[in-house]
PDB file of N, CA and C in Angstrom:
ATOM      1  N   MET A   1      43.573  36.759 -24.250  1.00  0.00           N
ATOM      2  CA  MET A   1      43.704  37.280 -22.913  1.00  0.00           C
ATOM      3  C   MET A   1      42.305  37.417 -22.339  1.00  0.00           C
ATOM      4  N   THR A   2      42.174  37.018 -21.094  1.00  0.00           N
ATOM      5  CA  THR A   2      40.875  37.107 -20.448  1.00  0.00           C
ATOM      6  C   THR A   2      40.914  38.117 -19.315  1.00  0.00           C
ATOM      7  N   GLY A   3      39.817  38.818 -19.159  1.00  0.00           N
ATOM      8  CA  GLY A   3      39.672  39.804 -18.103  1.00  0.00           C
ATOM      9  C   GLY A   3      38.451  39.474 -17.275  1.00  0.00           C
ATOM     10  N   PRO A   4      37.971  40.434 -16.505  1.00  0.00           N
ATOM     11  CA  PRO A   4      36.832  40.181 -15.625  1.00  0.00           C
ATOM     12  C   PRO A   4      35.538  39.971 -16.403  1.00  0.00           C
ATOM     13  N   ALA A   5      34.716  39.047 -15.914  1.00  0.00           N
ATOM     14  CA  ALA A   5      33.431  38.763 -16.553  1.00  0.00           C
ATOM     15  C   ALA A   5      32.321  39.639 -15.983  1.00  0.00           C
ATOM     16  N   ALA A   6      32.484  40.084 -14.748  1.00  0.00           N
ATOM     17  CA  ALA A   6      31.466  40.909 -14.086  1.00  0.00           C
ATOM     18  C   ALA A   6      32.044  42.289 -13.807  1.00  0.00           C
ATOM     19  N   PRO A   7      31.188  43.284 -13.605  1.00  0.00           N
ATOM     20  CA  PRO A   7      31.707  44.618 -13.282  1.00  0.00           C
ATOM     21  C   PRO A   7      32.575  44.590 -12.027  1.00  0.00           C
ATOM     22  N   LEU A   8      33.590  45.451 -12.017  1.00  0.00           N
ATOM     23  CA  LEU A   8      34.471  45.597 -10.865  1.00  0.00           C
ATOM     24  C   LEU A   8      34.123  46.885 -10.134  1.00  0.00           C
ATOM     25  N   VAL A   9      34.375  46.909  -8.847  1.00  0.00           N
ATOM     26  CA  VAL A   9      34.194  48.125  -8.063  1.00  0.00           C
ATOM     27  C   VAL A   9      35.494  48.912  -8.128  1.00  0.00           C
ATOM     28  N   ALA A  10      35.408  50.221  -8.363  1.00  0.00           N
ATOM     29  CA  ALA A  10      36.595  51.073  -8.446  1.00  0.00           C
ATOM     30  C   ALA A  10      37.481  50.858  -7.228  1.00  0.00           C
ATOM     31  N   GLY A  11      38.772  50.727  -7.458  1.00  0.00           N
ATOM     32  CA  GLY A  11      39.730  50.490  -6.394  1.00  0.00           C
ATOM     33  C   GLY A  11      40.047  49.023  -6.183  1.00  0.00           C
ATOM     34  N   ALA A  12      39.213  48.127  -6.725  1.00  0.00           N
ATOM     35  CA  ALA A  12      39.463  46.691  -6.602  1.00  0.00           C
ATOM     36  C   ALA A  12      40.600  46.288  -7.526  1.00  0.00           C
ATOM     37  N   ALA A  13      41.212  45.172  -7.240  1.00  0.00           N
ATOM     38  CA  ALA A  13      42.281  44.661  -8.097  1.00  0.00           C
ATOM     39  C   ALA A  13      41.684  44.075  -9.373  1.00  0.00           C
ATOM     40  N   LEU A  14      42.321  44.368 -10.469  1.00  0.00           N
ATOM     41  CA  LEU A  14      41.947  43.829 -11.775  1.00  0.00           C
ATOM     42  C   LEU A  14      42.916  42.694 -12.077  1.00  0.00           C
ATOM     43  N   THR A  15      42.397  41.498 -12.318  1.00  0.00           N
ATOM     44  CA  THR A  15      43.232  40.341 -12.614  1.00  0.00           C
ATOM     45  C   THR A  15      42.988  39.910 -14.045  1.00  0.00           C
ATOM     46  N   LEU A  16      44.085  39.770 -14.793  1.00  0.00           N
ATOM     47  CA  LEU A  16      44.023  39.383 -16.205  1.00  0.00           C
ATOM     48  C   LEU A  16      44.912  38.179 -16.413  1.00  0.00           C
ATOM     49  N   THR A  17      44.527  37.294 -17.329  1.00  0.00           N
ATOM     50  CA  THR A  17      45.328  36.112 -17.623  1.00  0.00           C
ATOM     51  C   THR A  17      45.653  36.079 -19.104  1.00  0.00           C
ATOM     52  N   LEU A  18      46.939  35.990 -19.412  1.00  0.00           N
ATOM     53  CA  LEU A  18      47.413  35.867 -20.791  1.00  0.00           C
ATOM     54  C   LEU A  18      47.858  34.423 -20.991  1.00  0.00           C
ATOM     55  N   THR A  19      47.266  33.751 -21.961  1.00  0.00           N
ATOM     56  CA  THR A  19      47.601  32.366 -22.252  1.00  0.00           C
ATOM     57  C   THR A  19      48.369  32.319 -23.561  1.00  0.00           C
ATOM     58  N   ALA A  20      49.525  31.681 -23.532  1.00  0.00           N
ATOM     59  CA  ALA A  20      50.381  31.586 -24.714  1.00  0.00           C
ATOM     60  C   ALA A  20      50.171  30.233 -25.378  1.00  0.00           C
ATOM     61  N   ASP A  21      49.781  30.254 -26.654  1.00  0.00           N
ATOM     62  CA  ASP A  21      49.633  28.984 -27.360  1.00  0.00           C
ATOM     63  C   ASP A  21      50.916  28.611 -28.093  1.00  0.00           C
ATOM     64  N   ARG A  22      51.855  29.548 -28.182  1.00  0.00           N
ATOM     65  CA  ARG A  22      53.176  29.274 -28.752  1.00  0.00           C
ATOM     66  C   ARG A  22      54.223  29.706 -27.737  1.00  0.00           C
ATOM     67  N   LYS A  23      55.390  29.094 -27.798  1.00  0.00           N
ATOM     68  CA  LYS A  23      56.434  29.432 -26.837  1.00  0.00           C
ATOM     69  C   LYS A  23      57.700  29.792 -27.567  1.00  0.00           C
ATOM     70  N   PRO A  24      58.567  30.576 -26.997  1.00  0.00           N
ATOM     71  CA  PRO A  24      58.236  31.463 -25.890  1.00  0.00           C
ATOM     72  C   PRO A  24      57.577  32.732 -26.397  1.00  0.00           C
ATOM     73  N   VAL A  25      56.689  33.251 -25.590  1.00  0.00           N
ATOM     74  CA  VAL A  25      56.033  34.527 -25.872  1.00  0.00           C
ATOM     75  C   VAL A  25      56.665  35.549 -24.927  1.00  0.00           C
ATOM     76  N   PHE A  26      57.041  36.699 -25.478  1.00  0.00           N
ATOM     77  CA  PHE A  26      57.681  37.751 -24.698  1.00  0.00           C
ATOM     78  C   PHE A  26      56.730  38.925 -24.522  1.00  0.00           C
ATOM     79  N   VAL A  27      56.833  39.579 -23.369  1.00  0.00           N
ATOM     80  CA  VAL A  27      56.100  40.810 -23.100  1.00  0.00           C
ATOM     81  C   VAL A  27      57.091  41.833 -22.551  1.00  0.00           C
ATOM     82  N   ASP A  28      56.661  43.082 -22.512  1.00  0.00           N
ATOM     83  CA  ASP A  28      57.493  44.152 -21.974  1.00  0.00           C
ATOM     84  C   ASP A  28      57.765  43.874 -20.504  1.00  0.00           C
ATOM     85  N   GLY A  29      59.002  43.954 -20.097  1.00  0.00           N
ATOM     86  CA  GLY A  29      59.370  43.662 -18.715  1.00  0.00           C
ATOM     87  C   GLY A  29      59.002  44.748 -17.743  1.00  0.00           C
ATOM     88  N   CYS A  30      58.602  45.907 -18.224  1.00  0.00           N
ATOM     89  CA  CYS A  30      58.286  47.026 -17.336  1.00  0.00           C
ATOM     90  C   CYS A  30      56.782  47.178 -17.159  1.00  0.00           C
ATOM     91  N   ALA A  31      56.078  47.372 -18.229  1.00  0.00           N
ATOM     92  CA  ALA A  31      54.642  47.621 -18.162  1.00  0.00           C
ATOM     93  C   ALA A  31      53.952  46.722 -19.173  1.00  0.00           C
ATOM     94  N   ALA A  32      53.789  45.463 -18.820  1.00  0.00           N
ATOM     95  CA  ALA A  32      53.252  44.491 -19.776  1.00  0.00           C
ATOM     96  C   ALA A  32      51.807  44.784 -20.158  1.00  0.00           C
ATOM     97  N   VAL A  33      51.017  45.315 -19.227  1.00  0.00           N
ATOM     98  CA  VAL A  33      49.592  45.536 -19.475  1.00  0.00           C
ATOM     99  C   VAL A  33      49.298  47.031 -19.537  1.00  0.00           C
ATOM    100  N   ASP A  34      48.642  47.448 -20.607  1.00  0.00           N
ATOM    101  CA  ASP A  34      48.140  48.815 -20.723  1.00  0.00           C
ATOM    102  C   ASP A  34      46.620  48.763 -20.639  1.00  0.00           C
ATOM    103  N   LEU A  35      46.022  49.844 -20.188  1.00  0.00           N
ATOM    104  CA  LEU A  35      44.574  49.937 -20.154  1.00  0.00           C
ATOM    105  C   LEU A  35      44.110  51.026 -21.102  1.00  0.00           C
ATOM    106  N   GLU A  36      42.935  50.799 -21.677  1.00  0.00           N
ATOM    107  CA  GLU A  36      42.288  51.792 -22.520  1.00  0.00           C
ATOM    108  C   GLU A  36      40.884  52.020 -21.980  1.00  0.00           C
ATOM    109  N   ARG A  37      40.434  53.284 -22.045  1.00  0.00           N
ATOM    110  CA  ARG A  37      39.092  53.666 -21.587  1.00  0.00           C
ATOM    111  C   ARG A  37      38.271  54.061 -22.807  1.00  0.00           C
ATOM    112  N   ARG A  38      37.014  53.612 -22.839  1.00  0.00           N
ATOM    113  CA  ARG A  38      36.129  54.011 -23.930  1.00  0.00           C
ATOM    114  C   ARG A  38      35.648  55.429 -23.675  1.00  0.00           C
ATOM    115  N   GLU A  39      35.860  56.267 -24.674  1.00  0.00           N
ATOM    116  CA  GLU A  39      35.357  57.639 -24.652  1.00  0.00           C
ATOM    117  C   GLU A  39      34.602  57.841 -25.945  1.00  0.00           C
ATOM    118  N   GLY A  40      33.270  57.754 -25.857  1.00  0.00           N
ATOM    119  CA  GLY A  40      32.436  57.812 -27.058  1.00  0.00           C
ATOM    120  C   GLY A  40      32.670  56.561 -27.882  1.00  0.00           C
ATOM    121  N   GLU A  41      33.075  56.728 -29.126  1.00  0.00           N
ATOM    122  CA  GLU A  41      33.341  55.593 -30.016  1.00  0.00           C
ATOM    123  C   GLU A  41      34.819  55.204 -30.046  1.00  0.00           C
ATOM    124  N   ARG A  42      35.656  55.911 -29.291  1.00  0.00           N
ATOM    125  CA  ARG A  42      37.109  55.680 -29.340  1.00  0.00           C
ATOM    126  C   ARG A  42      37.619  55.033 -28.067  1.00  0.00           C
ATOM    127  N   TRP A  43      38.728  54.317 -28.212  1.00  0.00           N
ATOM    128  CA  TRP A  43      39.451  53.781 -27.069  1.00  0.00           C
ATOM    129  C   TRP A  43      40.677  54.662 -26.857  1.00  0.00           C
ATOM    130  N   VAL A  44      40.820  55.208 -25.650  1.00  0.00           N
ATOM    131  CA  VAL A  44      41.889  56.145 -25.326  1.00  0.00           C
ATOM    132  C   VAL A  44      42.800  55.512 -24.273  1.00  0.00           C
ATOM    133  N   PRO A  45      44.130  55.531 -24.489  1.00  0.00           N
ATOM    134  CA  PRO A  45      45.035  54.951 -23.490  1.00  0.00           C
ATOM    135  C   PRO A  45      44.910  55.652 -22.138  1.00  0.00           C
ATOM    136  N   VAL A  46      44.953  54.865 -21.084  1.00  0.00           N
ATOM    137  CA  VAL A  46      44.968  55.376 -19.719  1.00  0.00           C
ATOM    138  C   VAL A  46      46.431  55.567 -19.349  1.00  0.00           C
ATOM    139  N   GLU A  47      46.743  56.701 -18.751  1.00  0.00           N
ATOM    140  CA  GLU A  47      48.125  56.937 -18.330  1.00  0.00           C
ATOM    141  C   GLU A  47      48.567  55.817 -17.400  1.00  0.00           C
ATOM    142  N   PRO A  48      49.750  55.237 -17.647  1.00  0.00           N
ATOM    143  CA  PRO A  48      50.204  54.142 -16.785  1.00  0.00           C
ATOM    144  C   PRO A  48      50.425  54.608 -15.346  1.00  0.00           C
ATOM    145  N   THR A  49      50.147  53.713 -14.416  1.00  0.00           N
ATOM    146  CA  THR A  49      50.364  54.029 -13.010  1.00  0.00           C
ATOM    147  C   THR A  49      51.787  53.685 -12.579  1.00  0.00           C
ATOM    148  N   ILE A  50      52.506  52.965 -13.435  1.00  0.00           N
ATOM    149  CA  ILE A  50      53.892  52.594 -13.139  1.00  0.00           C
ATOM    150  C   ILE A  50      54.781  53.372 -14.094  1.00  0.00           C
ATOM    151  N   ALA A  51      55.719  54.123 -13.555  1.00  0.00           N
ATOM    152  CA  ALA A  51      56.659  54.847 -14.408  1.00  0.00           C
ATOM    153  C   ALA A  51      57.607  53.843 -15.057  1.00  0.00           C
ATOM    154  N   CYS A  52      57.804  53.981 -16.350  1.00  0.00           N
ATOM    155  CA  CYS A  52      58.651  53.037 -17.075  1.00  0.00           C
ATOM    156  C   CYS A  52      59.504  53.827 -18.059  1.00  0.00           C
ATOM    157  N   ASP A  53      60.804  53.654 -17.968  1.00  0.00           N
ATOM    158  CA  ASP A  53      61.681  54.381 -18.889  1.00  0.00           C
ATOM    159  C   ASP A  53      62.044  53.563 -20.123  1.00  0.00           C
ATOM    160  N   GLY A  54      61.476  52.365 -20.251  1.00  0.00           N
ATOM    161  CA  GLY A  54      61.717  51.537 -21.433  1.00  0.00           C
ATOM    162  C   GLY A  54      62.984  50.713 -21.360  1.00  0.00           C
ATOM    163  N   SER A  55      63.694  50.753 -20.234  1.00  0.00           N
ATOM    164  CA  SER A  55      64.953  50.007 -20.150  1.00  0.00           C
ATOM    165  C   SER A  55      64.782  48.580 -19.636  1.00  0.00           C
ATOM    166  N   ALA A  56      63.611  48.251 -19.081  1.00  0.00           N
ATOM    167  CA  ALA A  56      63.400  46.888 -18.587  1.00  0.00           C
ATOM    168  C   ALA A  56      63.364  45.931 -19.771  1.00  0.00           C
ATOM    169  N   VAL A  57      63.970  44.788 -19.602  1.00  0.00           N
ATOM    170  CA  VAL A  57      64.108  43.851 -20.713  1.00  0.00           C
ATOM    171  C   VAL A  57      62.833  43.069 -20.970  1.00  0.00           C
ATOM    172  N   ALA A  58      62.718  42.607 -22.208  1.00  0.00           N
ATOM    173  CA  ALA A  58      61.611  41.728 -22.574  1.00  0.00           C
ATOM    174  C   ALA A  58      61.715  40.463 -21.727  1.00  0.00           C
ATOM    175  N   ARG A  59      60.576  39.947 -21.313  1.00  0.00           N
ATOM    176  CA  ARG A  59      60.609  38.723 -20.520  1.00  0.00           C
ATOM    177  C   ARG A  59      59.687  37.683 -21.117  1.00  0.00           C
ATOM    178  N   ALA A  60      60.159  36.452 -21.116  1.00  0.00           N
ATOM    179  CA  ALA A  60      59.355  35.345 -21.607  1.00  0.00           C
ATOM    180  C   ALA A  60      58.344  34.976 -20.531  1.00  0.00           C
ATOM    181  N   ILE A  61      57.131  34.673 -20.963  1.00  0.00           N
ATOM    182  CA  ILE A  61      56.114  34.255 -20.001  1.00  0.00           C
ATOM    183  C   ILE A  61      55.917  32.745 -20.117  1.00  0.00           C
ATOM    184  N   PRO A  62      55.470  32.131 -19.043  1.00  0.00           N
ATOM    185  CA  PRO A  62      55.143  30.709 -19.126  1.00  0.00           C
ATOM    186  C   PRO A  62      53.871  30.522 -19.955  1.00  0.00           C
ATOM    187  N   LYS A  63      53.381  29.316 -20.033  1.00  0.00           N
ATOM    188  CA  LYS A  63      52.179  29.034 -20.828  1.00  0.00           C
ATOM    189  C   LYS A  63      51.016  29.941 -20.434  1.00  0.00           C
ATOM    190  N   GLU A  64      50.937  30.284 -19.160  1.00  0.00           N
ATOM    191  CA  GLU A  64      49.873  31.167 -18.697  1.00  0.00           C
ATOM    192  C   GLU A  64      50.465  32.142 -17.680  1.00  0.00           C
ATOM    193  N   GLN A  65      50.149  33.415 -17.831  1.00  0.00           N
ATOM    194  CA  GLN A  65      50.675  34.445 -16.925  1.00  0.00           C
ATOM    195  C   GLN A  65      49.510  35.290 -16.431  1.00  0.00           C
ATOM    196  N   THR A  66      49.456  35.505 -15.132  1.00  0.00           N
ATOM    197  CA  THR A  66      48.414  36.345 -14.549  1.00  0.00           C
ATOM    198  C   THR A  66      49.018  37.678 -14.157  1.00  0.00           C
ATOM    199  N   PHE A  67      48.320  38.745 -14.501  1.00  0.00           N
ATOM    200  CA  PHE A  67      48.729  40.100 -14.154  1.00  0.00           C
ATOM    201  C   PHE A  67      47.667  40.682 -13.238  1.00  0.00           C
ATOM    202  N   SER A  68      48.085  41.497 -12.301  1.00  0.00           N
ATOM    203  CA  SER A  68      47.137  42.146 -11.402  1.00  0.00           C
ATOM    204  C   SER A  68      47.504  43.616 -11.297  1.00  0.00           C
ATOM    205  N   LEU A  69      46.506  44.484 -11.423  1.00  0.00           N
ATOM    206  CA  LEU A  69      46.725  45.916 -11.282  1.00  0.00           C
ATOM    207  C   LEU A  69      45.470  46.552 -10.726  1.00  0.00           C
ATOM    208  N   ALA A  70      45.607  47.785 -10.269  1.00  0.00           N
ATOM    209  CA  ALA A  70      44.465  48.497  -9.686  1.00  0.00           C
ATOM    210  C   ALA A  70      43.585  49.063 -10.790  1.00  0.00           C
ATOM    211  N   THR A  71      42.290  49.097 -10.539  1.00  0.00           N
ATOM    212  CA  THR A  71      41.372  49.730 -11.492  1.00  0.00           C
ATOM    213  C   THR A  71      41.599  51.232 -11.462  1.00  0.00           C
ATOM    214  N   PRO A  72      41.580  51.890 -12.631  1.00  0.00           N
ATOM    215  CA  PRO A  72      41.933  53.310 -12.695  1.00  0.00           C
ATOM    216  C   PRO A  72      40.784  54.283 -12.459  1.00  0.00           C
ATOM    217  N   GLY A  73      39.598  53.830 -12.217  1.00  0.00           N
ATOM    218  CA  GLY A  73      38.457  54.731 -12.036  1.00  0.00           C
ATOM    219  C   GLY A  73      37.206  54.077 -12.581  1.00  0.00           C
ATOM    220  N   VAL A  74      36.164  54.851 -12.728  1.00  0.00           N
ATOM    221  CA  VAL A  74      34.876  54.347 -13.186  1.00  0.00           C
ATOM    222  C   VAL A  74      34.781  54.503 -14.696  1.00  0.00           C
ATOM    223  N   GLY A  75      34.204  53.509 -15.367  1.00  0.00           N
ATOM    224  CA  GLY A  75      34.004  53.596 -16.808  1.00  0.00           C
ATOM    225  C   GLY A  75      34.102  52.243 -17.472  1.00  0.00           C
ATOM    226  N   GLU A  76      34.178  52.257 -18.801  1.00  0.00           N
ATOM    227  CA  GLU A  76      34.334  51.035 -19.586  1.00  0.00           C
ATOM    228  C   GLU A  76      35.789  50.963 -20.039  1.00  0.00           C
ATOM    229  N   PHE A  77      36.425  49.825 -19.805  1.00  0.00           N
ATOM    230  CA  PHE A  77      37.846  49.656 -20.077  1.00  0.00           C
ATOM    231  C   PHE A  77      38.097  48.376 -20.863  1.00  0.00           C
ATOM    232  N   ARG A  78      39.299  48.257 -21.385  1.00  0.00           N
ATOM    233  CA  ARG A  78      39.824  46.990 -21.879  1.00  0.00           C
ATOM    234  C   ARG A  78      41.318  47.012 -21.625  1.00  0.00           C
ATOM    235  N   ALA A  79      41.896  45.830 -21.478  1.00  0.00           N
ATOM    236  CA  ALA A  79      43.329  45.704 -21.249  1.00  0.00           C
ATOM    237  C   ALA A  79      44.001  45.298 -22.554  1.00  0.00           C
ATOM    238  N   VAL A  80      45.238  45.764 -22.727  1.00  0.00           N
ATOM    239  CA  VAL A  80      45.993  45.526 -23.948  1.00  0.00           C
ATOM    240  C   VAL A  80      47.393  45.047 -23.569  1.00  0.00           C
ATOM    241  N   VAL A  81      47.845  43.986 -24.229  1.00  0.00           N
ATOM    242  CA  VAL A  81      49.201  43.480 -24.027  1.00  0.00           C
ATOM    243  C   VAL A  81      49.855  43.324 -25.394  1.00  0.00           C
ATOM    244  N   ALA A  82      51.000  43.971 -25.571  1.00  0.00           N
ATOM    245  CA  ALA A  82      51.806  43.757 -26.778  1.00  0.00           C
ATOM    246  C   ALA A  82      52.701  42.553 -26.497  1.00  0.00           C
ATOM    247  N   TRP A  83      52.799  41.654 -27.466  1.00  0.00           N
ATOM    248  CA  TRP A  83      53.608  40.457 -27.283  1.00  0.00           C
ATOM    249  C   TRP A  83      54.507  40.246 -28.496  1.00  0.00           C
ATOM    250  N   GLY A  84      55.541  39.455 -28.292  1.00  0.00           N
ATOM    251  CA  GLY A  84      56.468  39.156 -29.376  1.00  0.00           C
ATOM    252  C   GLY A  84      56.884  37.699 -29.352  1.00  0.00           C
ATOM    253  N   LEU A  85      57.275  37.199 -30.525  1.00  0.00           N
ATOM    254  CA  LEU A  85      57.819  35.847 -30.661  1.00  0.00           C
ATOM    255  C   LEU A  85      59.239  35.963 -31.205  1.00  0.00           C
ATOM    256  N   GLY A  86      60.115  35.070 -30.763  1.00  0.00           N
ATOM    257  CA  GLY A  86      61.474  35.058 -31.278  1.00  0.00           C
ATOM    258  C   GLY A  86      62.271  36.294 -30.889  1.00  0.00           C
ATOM    259  N   CYS A  87      62.027  36.827 -29.731  1.00  0.00           N
ATOM    260  CA  CYS A  87      62.705  38.044 -29.272  1.00  0.00           C
ATOM    261  C   CYS A  87      64.064  37.697 -28.672  1.00  0.00           C
ATOM    262  N   VAL A  88      64.961  38.668 -28.673  1.00  0.00           N
ATOM    263  CA  VAL A  88      66.269  38.515 -28.059  1.00  0.00           C
ATOM    264  C   VAL A  88      66.142  38.874 -26.582  1.00  0.00           C
ATOM    265  N   GLU A  89      66.425  37.895 -25.725  1.00  0.00           N
ATOM    266  CA  GLU A  89      66.328  38.152 -24.289  1.00  0.00           C
ATOM    267  C   GLU A  89      67.433  39.112 -23.860  1.00  0.00           C
ATOM    268  N   GLY A  90      67.175  39.865 -22.801  1.00  0.00           N
ATOM    269  CA  GLY A  90      68.172  40.765 -22.255  1.00  0.00           C
ATOM    270  C   GLY A  90      68.173  42.145 -22.889  1.00  0.00           C
ATOM    271  N   ARG A  91      67.236  42.403 -23.801  1.00  0.00           N
ATOM    272  CA  ARG A  91      67.112  43.727 -24.417  1.00  0.00           C
ATOM    273  C   ARG A  91      65.755  44.313 -24.059  1.00  0.00           C
ATOM    274  N   PRO A  92      65.649  45.661 -24.059  1.00  0.00           N
ATOM    275  CA  PRO A  92      64.320  46.254 -23.881  1.00  0.00           C
ATOM    276  C   PRO A  92      63.383  45.730 -24.971  1.00  0.00           C
ATOM    277  N   PHE A  93      62.120  45.577 -24.633  1.00  0.00           N
ATOM    278  CA  PHE A  93      61.150  44.986 -25.554  1.00  0.00           C
ATOM    279  C   PHE A  93      61.168  45.667 -26.921  1.00  0.00           C
ATOM    280  N   ALA A  94      61.248  46.993 -26.935  1.00  0.00           N
ATOM    281  CA  ALA A  94      61.236  47.734 -28.204  1.00  0.00           C
ATOM    282  C   ALA A  94      62.474  47.455 -29.056  1.00  0.00           C
ATOM    283  N   LEU A  95      63.538  46.960 -28.440  1.00  0.00           N
ATOM    284  CA  LEU A  95      64.789  46.691 -29.165  1.00  0.00           C
ATOM    285  C   LEU A  95      65.130  45.207 -29.195  1.00  0.00           C
ATOM    286  N   ALA A  96      64.171  44.357 -28.891  1.00  0.00           N
ATOM    287  CA  ALA A  96      64.442  42.927 -28.759  1.00  0.00           C
ATOM    288  C   ALA A  96      64.419  42.172 -30.081  1.00  0.00           C
ATOM    289  N   ALA A  97      64.290  42.883 -31.202  1.00  0.00           N
ATOM    290  CA  ALA A  97      64.347  42.282 -32.540  1.00  0.00           C
ATOM    291  C   ALA A  97      63.443  41.062 -32.661  1.00  0.00           C
ATOM    292  N   CYS A  98      62.206  41.195 -32.202  1.00  0.00           N
ATOM    293  CA  CYS A  98      61.262  40.085 -32.242  1.00  0.00           C
ATOM    294  C   CYS A  98      60.954  39.702 -33.696  1.00  0.00           C
ATOM    295  N   ALA A  99      60.825  38.400 -33.931  1.00  0.00           N
ATOM    296  CA  ALA A  99      60.508  37.910 -35.279  1.00  0.00           C
ATOM    297  C   ALA A  99      59.063  38.206 -35.651  1.00  0.00           C
ATOM    298  N   ALA A 100      58.190  38.272 -34.679  1.00  0.00           N
ATOM    299  CA  ALA A 100      56.775  38.574 -34.916  1.00  0.00           C
ATOM    300  C   ALA A 100      56.252  39.338 -33.713  1.00  0.00           C
ATOM    301  N   LEU A 101      55.363  40.292 -33.966  1.00  0.00           N
ATOM    302  CA  LEU A 101      54.739  41.078 -32.900  1.00  0.00           C
ATOM    303  C   LEU A 101      53.228  40.985 -33.020  1.00  0.00           C
ATOM    304  N   GLY A 102      52.547  41.105 -31.916  1.00  0.00           N
ATOM    305  CA  GLY A 102      51.090  41.097 -31.930  1.00  0.00           C
ATOM    306  C   GLY A 102      50.560  41.835 -30.721  1.00  0.00           C
ATOM    307  N   VAL A 103      49.254  41.986 -30.681  1.00  0.00           N
ATOM    308  CA  VAL A 103      48.579  42.652 -29.578  1.00  0.00           C
ATOM    309  C   VAL A 103      47.388  41.792 -29.168  1.00  0.00           C
ATOM    310  N   ALA A 104      47.236  41.591 -27.877  1.00  0.00           N
ATOM    311  CA  ALA A 104      46.071  40.885 -27.337  1.00  0.00           C
ATOM    312  C   ALA A 104      45.252  41.888 -26.537  1.00  0.00           C
ATOM    313  N   ARG A 105      43.936  41.832 -26.704  1.00  0.00           N
ATOM    314  CA  ARG A 105      43.029  42.722 -25.972  1.00  0.00           C
ATOM    315  C   ARG A 105      41.949  41.892 -25.291  1.00  0.00           C
ATOM    316  N   THR A 106      41.546  42.341 -24.121  1.00  0.00           N
ATOM    317  CA  THR A 106      40.413  41.700 -23.466  1.00  0.00           C
ATOM    318  C   THR A 106      39.132  42.258 -24.074  1.00  0.00           C
ATOM    319  N   ALA A 107      38.040  41.594 -23.800  1.00  0.00           N
ATOM    320  CA  ALA A 107      36.729  42.188 -24.072  1.00  0.00           C
ATOM    321  C   ALA A 107      36.597  43.372 -23.131  1.00  0.00           C
ATOM    322  N   SER A 108      35.713  44.287 -23.446  1.00  0.00           N
ATOM    323  CA  SER A 108      35.539  45.439 -22.565  1.00  0.00           C
ATOM    324  C   SER A 108      34.911  44.983 -21.246  1.00  0.00           C
ATOM    325  N   PHE A 109      35.206  45.737 -20.205  1.00  0.00           N
ATOM    326  CA  PHE A 109      34.628  45.453 -18.892  1.00  0.00           C
ATOM    327  C   PHE A 109      34.299  46.774 -18.207  1.00  0.00           C
ATOM    328  N   GLN A 110      33.365  46.711 -17.271  1.00  0.00           N
ATOM    329  CA  GLN A 110      32.904  47.899 -16.561  1.00  0.00           C
ATOM    330  C   GLN A 110      33.554  47.993 -15.187  1.00  0.00           C
ATOM    331  N   VAL A 111      33.880  49.233 -14.800  1.00  0.00           N
ATOM    332  CA  VAL A 111      34.298  49.527 -13.436  1.00  0.00           C
ATOM    333  C   VAL A 111      33.262  50.510 -12.891  1.00  0.00           C
ATOM    334  N   VAL A 112      32.657  50.142 -11.772  1.00  0.00           N
ATOM    335  CA  VAL A 112      31.567  50.939 -11.203  1.00  0.00           C
ATOM    336  C   VAL A 112      32.005  51.564  -9.881  1.00  0.00           C
ATOM    337  N   ALA A 113      31.286  52.603  -9.472  1.00  0.00           N
ATOM    338  CA  ALA A 113      31.573  53.276  -8.206  1.00  0.00           C
ATOM    339  C   ALA A 113      31.201  52.352  -7.050  1.00  0.00           C
ATOM    340  N   PRO A 114      31.942  52.454  -5.959  1.00  0.00           N
ATOM    341  CA  PRO A 114      31.579  51.637  -4.790  1.00  0.00           C
ATOM    342  C   PRO A 114      30.234  52.095  -4.236  1.00  0.00           C
ATOM    343  N   PRO A 115      29.498  51.180  -3.614  1.00  0.00           N
ATOM    344  CA  PRO A 115      28.202  51.577  -3.049  1.00  0.00           C
ATOM    345  C   PRO A 115      28.429  52.554  -1.900  1.00  0.00           C
ATOM    346  N   PRO A 116      27.447  53.429  -1.636  1.00  0.00           N
ATOM    347  CA  PRO A 116      27.600  54.359  -0.517  1.00  0.00           C
ATOM    348  C   PRO A 116      27.636  53.590   0.792  1.00  0.00           C
ATOM    349  N   PRO A 117      28.320  54.147   1.797  1.00  0.00           N
ATOM    350  CA  PRO A 117      28.367  53.441   3.079  1.00  0.00           C
ATOM    351  C   PRO A 117      26.968  53.329   3.694  1.00  0.00           C
ATOM    352  N   ALA A 118      26.760  52.253   4.396  1.00  0.00           N
ATOM    353  CA  ALA A 118      25.459  52.038   5.060  1.00  0.00           C
ATOM    354  C   ALA A 118      25.268  53.063   6.166  1.00  0.00           C
ATOM    355  N   GLN A 119      24.080  53.585   6.262  1.00  0.00           N
ATOM    356  CA  GLN A 119      23.780  54.567   7.305  1.00  0.00           C
ATOM    357  C   GLN A 119      23.286  53.865   8.540  1.00  0.00           C
ATOM    358  N   ARG A 120      23.664  54.381   9.682  1.00  0.00           N
ATOM    359  CA  ARG A 120      23.262  53.759  10.956  1.00  0.00           C
ATOM    360  C   ARG A 120      22.216  54.577  11.620  1.00  0.00           C
TER     361      ARG A 120
END
């Protein structure tokens, strides 16, 4: 999975691309992308901005899938996607009886504060 190569300004859209080398690859149909923030030496999950009750079904992605979400604030982040192979379609991801599960993470990226407005 690839994320931004340069720092993002807080509030800007974060675009991530997940490339599947095997088919079909399934992701959670509700909240496919999670974010983690670096706090010291640890990565801490960021509270999701989309409420998800876990009932959305697993969905197969094409060879390449792009996700877009808002940056959650200033700091160092990485994106995380749980994926599955051989999942049963039409079931929530956690109950899709996937034959194999994995996690893809981006490299860390920075989100910086927007520059102050220009003074006139």
